[in-house]
C-alpha atoms as a PDB file:
ATOM      1  CA  UNK A   1      -4.832   1.888  18.345  1.00  0.00           C
ATOM      2  CA  UNK A   2      -1.557   4.295  16.639  1.00  0.00           C
ATOM      3  CA  UNK A   3      -4.440   4.669  13.211  1.00  0.00           C
ATOM      4  CA  UNK A   4      -3.898   8.386  13.817  1.00  0.00           C
ATOM      5  CA  UNK A   5      -0.766   8.110  12.100  1.00  0.00           C
ATOM      6  CA  UNK A   6      -1.953   7.855   9.082  1.00  0.00           C
ATOM      7  CA  UNK A   7      -3.489  10.836   8.676  1.00  0.00           C
ATOM      8  CA  UNK A   8       0.290  12.286   9.009  1.00  0.00           C
ATOM      9  CA  UNK A   9       1.354  10.591   5.550  1.00  0.00           C
ATOM     10  CA  UNK A  10       4.359  13.057   4.997  1.00  0.00           C
ATOM     11  CA  UNK A  11       6.046  12.076   8.668  1.00  0.00           C
ATOM     12  CA  UNK A  12       5.457   8.090   7.371  1.00  0.00           C
ATOM     13  CA  UNK A  13       6.702   9.429   4.274  1.00  0.00           C
ATOM     14  CA  UNK A  14       9.700  10.150   5.813  1.00  0.00           C
ATOM     15  CA  UNK A  15       9.798   7.486   8.031  1.00  0.00           C
ATOM     16  CA  UNK A  16       9.565   4.844   4.960  1.00  0.00           C
ATOM     17  CA  UNK A  17      12.128   6.690   3.374  1.00  0.00           C
ATOM     18  CA  UNK A  18      14.233   5.692   6.713  1.00  0.00           C
ATOM     19  CA  UNK A  19      13.297   2.353   6.720  1.00  0.00           C
ATOM     20  CA  UNK A  20      14.313   1.659   2.884  1.00  0.00           C
ATOM     21  CA  UNK A  21      17.857   3.685   3.070  1.00  0.00           C
ATOM     22  CA  UNK A  22      18.255   2.785   6.712  1.00  0.00           C
ATOM     23  CA  UNK A  23      17.938  -1.183   6.693  1.00  0.00           C
ATOM     24  CA  UNK A  24      19.431  -1.401   2.965  1.00  0.00           C
ATOM     25  CA  UNK A  25      23.051  -2.096   5.132  1.00  0.00           C
ATOM     26  CA  UNK A  26      20.743  -5.196   6.853  1.00  0.00           C
ATOM     27  CA  UNK A  27      19.643  -6.208   3.559  1.00  0.00           C
ATOM     28  CA  UNK A  28      21.342  -9.878   3.392  1.00  0.00           C
ATOM     29  CA  UNK A  29      19.397 -10.850   7.235  1.00  0.00           C
ATOM     30  CA  UNK A  30      16.191 -10.268   5.335  1.00  0.00           C
ATOM     31  CA  UNK A  31      15.888 -13.110   3.459  1.00  0.00           C
ATOM     32  CA  UNK A  32      13.227 -15.656   2.663  1.00  0.00           C
ATOM     33  CA  UNK A  33      13.378 -18.504   5.012  1.00  0.00           C
ATOM     34  CA  UNK A  34      16.092 -17.331   7.205  1.00  0.00           C
ATOM     35  CA  UNK A  35      16.965 -17.858  10.479  1.00  0.00           C
ATOM     36  CA  UNK A  36      14.898 -13.713  11.101  1.00  0.00           C
ATOM     37  CA  UNK A  37      12.542 -13.999   9.079  1.00  0.00           C
ATOM     38  CA  UNK A  38       9.827 -15.011  11.538  1.00  0.00           C
ATOM     39  CA  UNK A  39      10.887 -11.991  14.201  1.00  0.00           C
ATOM     40  CA  UNK A  40      10.494  -9.904  10.809  1.00  0.00           C
ATOM     41  CA  UNK A  41       7.247 -11.023   9.708  1.00  0.00           C
ATOM     42  CA  UNK A  42       6.093 -10.746  13.607  1.00  0.00           C
ATOM     43  CA  UNK A  43       7.779  -6.984  13.864  1.00  0.00           C
ATOM     44  CA  UNK A  44       6.262  -6.173  10.631  1.00  0.00           C
ATOM     45  CA  UNK A  45       2.444  -8.086  11.790  1.00  0.00           C
ATOM     46  CA  UNK A  46       2.092  -6.288  14.885  1.00  0.00           C
ATOM     47  CA  UNK A  47       3.400  -2.459  13.855  1.00  0.00           C
ATOM     48  CA  UNK A  48       1.994  -2.488  10.675  1.00  0.00           C
ATOM     49  CA  UNK A  49      -1.250  -3.416  11.886  1.00  0.00           C
ATOM     50  CA  UNK A  50      -1.049  -1.238  14.545  1.00  0.00           C
ATOM     51  CA  UNK A  51      -0.897   1.678  12.466  1.00  0.00           C
ATOM     52  CA  UNK A  52      -2.202   0.606   8.943  1.00  0.00           C
ATOM     53  CA  UNK A  53      -5.004  -2.275   9.806  1.00  0.00           C
ATOM     54  CA  UNK A  54      -2.534  -4.440   7.888  1.00  0.00           C
ATOM     55  CA  UNK A  55      -3.685  -7.406   6.024  1.00  0.00           C
ATOM     56  CA  UNK A  56      -0.078  -8.871   5.186  1.00  0.00           C
ATOM     57  CA  UNK A  57      -0.640  -9.378   1.876  1.00  0.00           C
ATOM     58  CA  UNK A  58       3.020  -9.325   0.944  1.00  0.00           C
ATOM     59  CA  UNK A  59       3.083  -6.933  -1.556  1.00  0.00           C
ATOM     60  CA  UNK A  60       2.595  -3.691   0.396  1.00  0.00           C
ATOM     61  CA  UNK A  61       1.952  -0.192  -1.981  1.00  0.00           C
ATOM     62  CA  UNK A  62       1.346   1.525   1.462  1.00  0.00           C
ATOM     63  CA  UNK A  63       3.952   4.514  -0.161  1.00  0.00           C
ATOM     64  CA  UNK A  64       1.985   4.810  -3.450  1.00  0.00           C
ATOM     65  CA  UNK A  65      -1.659   5.129  -1.588  1.00  0.00           C
ATOM     66  CA  UNK A  66      -1.242   7.760   0.475  1.00  0.00           C
ATOM     67  CA  UNK A  67       0.090   5.472   3.386  1.00  0.00           C
ATOM     68  CA  UNK A  68      -3.461   3.683   3.114  1.00  0.00           C
ATOM     69  CA  UNK A  69      -3.917   0.323   2.716  1.00  0.00           C
ATOM     70  CA  UNK A  70      -5.977  -0.316  -0.438  1.00  0.00           C
ATOM     71  CA  UNK A  71      -6.235  -4.303   0.902  1.00  0.00           C
ATOM     72  CA  UNK A  72      -8.720  -2.378   3.613  1.00  0.00           C
ATOM     73  CA  UNK A  73     -11.173  -1.562   0.912  1.00  0.00           C
ATOM     74  CA  UNK A  74     -14.307  -3.990   0.990  1.00  0.00           C
ATOM     75  CA  UNK A  75     -13.657  -5.468  -2.401  1.00  0.00           C
ATOM     76  CA  UNK A  76      -9.592  -5.146  -2.159  1.00  0.00           C
ATOM     77  CA  UNK A  77      -9.615  -2.380  -4.859  1.00  0.00           C
ATOM     78  CA  UNK A  78      -5.675  -2.331  -5.641  1.00  0.00           C
ATOM     79  CA  UNK A  79      -5.982   0.948  -8.451  1.00  0.00           C
ATOM     80  CA  UNK A  80      -8.308   2.967  -7.388  1.00  0.00           C
ATOM     81  CA  UNK A  81     -12.133   3.482  -6.380  1.00  0.00           C
ATOM     82  CA  UNK A  82     -15.128   1.386  -7.239  1.00  0.00           C
ATOM     83  CA  UNK A  83     -17.762   3.020  -9.205  1.00  0.00           C
ATOM     84  CA  UNK A  84     -19.828   2.812  -5.921  1.00  0.00           C
ATOM     85  CA  UNK A  85     -18.447   5.715  -3.617  1.00  0.00           C
ATOM     86  CA  UNK A  86     -21.373   7.834  -2.394  1.00  0.00           C
ATOM     87  CA  UNK A  87     -21.702  11.447  -2.467  1.00  0.00           C
ATOM     88  CA  UNK A  88     -20.221  11.953   0.469  1.00  0.00           C
ATOM     89  CA  UNK A  89     -17.109   9.876   0.245  1.00  0.00           C
ATOM     90  CA  UNK A  90     -18.677   6.681   1.836  1.00  0.00           C
ATOM     91  CA  UNK A  91     -18.074   3.228   0.762  1.00  0.00           C
ATOM     92  CA  UNK A  92     -20.927   1.930  -0.746  1.00  0.00           C
ATOM     93  CA  UNK A  93     -20.285  -1.604   0.723  1.00  0.00           C
ATOM     94  CA  UNK A  94     -19.723  -0.529   4.327  1.00  0.00           C
ATOM     95  CA  UNK A  95     -21.320   2.925   4.461  1.00  0.00           C
ATOM     96  CA  UNK A  96     -20.232   3.430   8.011  1.00  0.00           C
ATOM     97  CA  UNK A  97     -16.690   3.570   6.165  1.00  0.00           C
ATOM     98  CA  UNK A  98     -14.726   6.461   4.253  1.00  0.00           C
ATOM     99  CA  UNK A  99     -13.787   5.080   1.222  1.00  0.00           C
ATOM    100  CA  UNK A 100     -10.182   3.579   1.309  1.00  0.00           C
ATOM    101  CA  UNK A 101      -9.779   5.259  -2.082  1.00  0.00           C
ATOM    102  CA  UNK A 102     -11.070   8.586  -1.141  1.00  0.00           C
ATOM    103  CA  UNK A 103      -8.742   8.393   2.158  1.00  0.00           C
ATOM    104  CA  UNK A 104      -5.591   7.358  -0.064  1.00  0.00           C
ATOM    105  CA  UNK A 105      -5.895  10.240  -2.420  1.00  0.00           C
ATOM    106  CA  UNK A 106      -6.477  13.006   0.310  1.00  0.00           C
ATOM    107  CA  UNK A 107      -3.225  11.442   2.332  1.00  0.00           C
ATOM    108  CA  UNK A 108      -1.121  11.100  -1.420  1.00  0.00           C
ATOM    109  CA  UNK A 109      -1.764  14.896  -1.824  1.00  0.00           C
ATOM    110  CA  UNK A 110       0.807  15.712   1.175  1.00  0.00           C
ATOM    111  CA  UNK A 111       3.310  13.657   0.778  1.00  0.00           C
ATOM    112  CA  UNK A 112       5.754  15.258  -2.019  1.00  0.00           C
ATOM    113  CA  UNK A 113       7.731  12.252  -2.626  1.00  0.00           C
ATOM    114  CA  UNK A 114       5.911   9.554  -3.128  1.00  0.00           C
ATOM    115  CA  UNK A 115       2.392  10.907  -3.774  1.00  0.00           C
ATOM    116  CA  UNK A 116       2.764  11.045  -7.390  1.00  0.00           C
ATOM    117  CA  UNK A 117       2.542   7.521  -7.417  1.00  0.00           C
ATOM    118  CA  UNK A 118      -0.939   6.681  -6.491  1.00  0.00           C
ATOM    119  CA  UNK A 119      -1.714   7.775 -10.234  1.00  0.00           C
ATOM    120  CA  UNK A 120       0.599   4.199 -11.123  1.00  0.00           C
ATOM    121  CA  UNK A 121      -1.489   1.544 -12.200  1.00  0.00           C
ATOM    122  CA  UNK A 122      -0.674  -1.996  -9.495  1.00  0.00           C
ATOM    123  CA  UNK A 123       0.222  -4.682 -10.269  1.00  0.00           C
ATOM    124  CA  UNK A 124      -2.505  -7.606  -9.394  1.00  0.00           C
ATOM    125  CA  UNK A 125      -2.414  -9.156  -5.818  1.00  0.00           C
ATOM    126  CA  UNK A 126       0.146 -11.983  -6.228  1.00  0.00           C
ATOM    127  CA  UNK A 127      -1.885 -14.271  -2.865  1.00  0.00           C
ATOM    128  CA  UNK A 128       1.087 -17.121  -3.298  1.00  0.00           C
ATOM    129  CA  UNK A 129       2.842 -13.923  -1.439  1.00  0.00           C
ATOM    130  CA  UNK A 130       0.044 -13.628   1.599  1.00  0.00           C
ATOM    131  CA  UNK A 131       0.923 -13.636   4.922  1.00  0.00           C
ATOM    132  CA  UNK A 132       4.922 -13.197   3.927  1.00  0.00           C
ATOM    133  CA  UNK A 133       6.976 -10.315   5.056  1.00  0.00           C
ATOM    134  CA  UNK A 134       6.586  -7.480   2.613  1.00  0.00           C
ATOM    135  CA  UNK A 135       9.739  -6.369   3.714  1.00  0.00           C
ATOM    136  CA  UNK A 136      11.328  -9.288   2.757  1.00  0.00           C
ATOM    137  CA  UNK A 137      10.138  -9.559  -0.558  1.00  0.00           C
ATOM    138  CA  UNK A 138      10.956  -5.814  -1.507  1.00  0.00           C
ATOM    139  CA  UNK A 139      14.307  -6.209  -0.585  1.00  0.00           C
ATOM    140  CA  UNK A 140      14.361  -9.947  -2.246  1.00  0.00           C
ATOM    141  CA  UNK A 141      12.857  -8.219  -5.211  1.00  0.00           C
ATOM    142  CA  UNK A 142      10.225 -11.292  -4.888  1.00  0.00           C
ATOM    143  CA  UNK A 143       7.171  -8.869  -4.688  1.00  0.00           C
ATOM    144  CA  UNK A 144       7.804  -7.196  -8.623  1.00  0.00           C
ATOM    145  CA  UNK A 145       8.739 -10.711 -10.035  1.00  0.00           C
ATOM    146  CA  UNK A 146       5.541 -11.412 -11.104  1.00  0.00           C
ATOM    147  CA  UNK A 147       4.093 -15.138 -12.235  1.00  0.00           C
ATOM    148  CA  UNK A 148       4.157 -16.203 -15.612  1.00  0.00           C
ATOM    149  CA  UNK A 149       1.487 -14.582 -17.612  1.00  0.00           C
ATOM    150  CA  UNK A 150       1.390 -11.781 -15.762  1.00  0.00           C
ATOM    151  CA  UNK A 151       1.976  -8.174 -17.496  1.00  0.00           C
ATOM    152  CA  UNK A 152       5.010  -5.733 -15.837  1.00  0.00           C
ATOM    153  CA  UNK A 153       2.448  -2.502 -15.186  1.00  0.00           C
ATOM    154  CA  UNK A 154       5.365  -0.561 -16.818  1.00  0.00           C
ATOM    155  CA  UNK A 155       4.774  -1.752 -19.768  1.00  0.00           C
ATOM    156  CA  UNK A 156       1.320  -0.815 -19.392  1.00  0.00           C
ATOM    157  CA  UNK A 157       0.286   2.482 -21.485  1.00  0.00           C
ATOM    158  CA  UNK A 158      -2.528   3.926 -18.968  1.00  0.00           C
ATOM    159  CA  UNK A 159      -2.448   7.473 -18.113  1.00  0.00           C
ATOM    160  CA  UNK A 160      -5.040   8.711 -15.558  1.00  0.00           C
ATOM    161  CA  UNK A 161      -6.404  12.158 -15.053  1.00  0.00           C
ATOM    162  CA  UNK A 162      -6.870  12.315 -11.063  1.00  0.00           C
ATOM    163  CA  UNK A 163      -8.819  15.544 -11.485  1.00  0.00           C
ATOM    164  CA  UNK A 164     -12.224  14.888 -10.469  1.00  0.00           C
ATOM    165  CA  UNK A 165     -12.336  11.546  -9.827  1.00  0.00           C
ATOM    166  CA  UNK A 166     -12.517  11.830  -6.145  1.00  0.00           C
ATOM    167  CA  UNK A 167     -14.935  14.829  -6.461  1.00  0.00           C
ATOM    168  CA  UNK A 168     -16.780  13.227  -3.968  1.00  0.00           C
ATOM    169  CA  UNK A 169     -14.643  13.586  -1.204  1.00  0.00           C
ATOM    170  CA  UNK A 170     -14.703  17.059  -1.235  1.00  0.00           C
END
């Protein structure tokens, strides 16, 4: 319905900054299991599904992926495209669909504040958070509280060189 908004990632980036800063004073209302949790989940699910086809993973990385939800990749890849991106930039699993990561990269180029984050390694998805509010998880730092045995991705020395990585999209 409102998916056309994804083609304006800089506008969404500004809205994200407003959300992040504007709701900070209300942080105490965003408690897991709190009175407002069902309403927050309903609002988040409805809004983000309409714009991003949100899958409610509980660990939203939209601002790091060009305002494109990586969970819409048929393979649920959170750190870039698979080796099967077609010559025309389409998905190998769903040939009628543009690769989520081609779209994410192109949109990230239009994001002056968060666009560079597309080159950052994302942690594996914590399946225990599925269906929960990523907003509540973010405000309470639950989305970065990794299960025992997981390594913080900031501690992993990875360097991405994006030139040529998405050549198929050109």
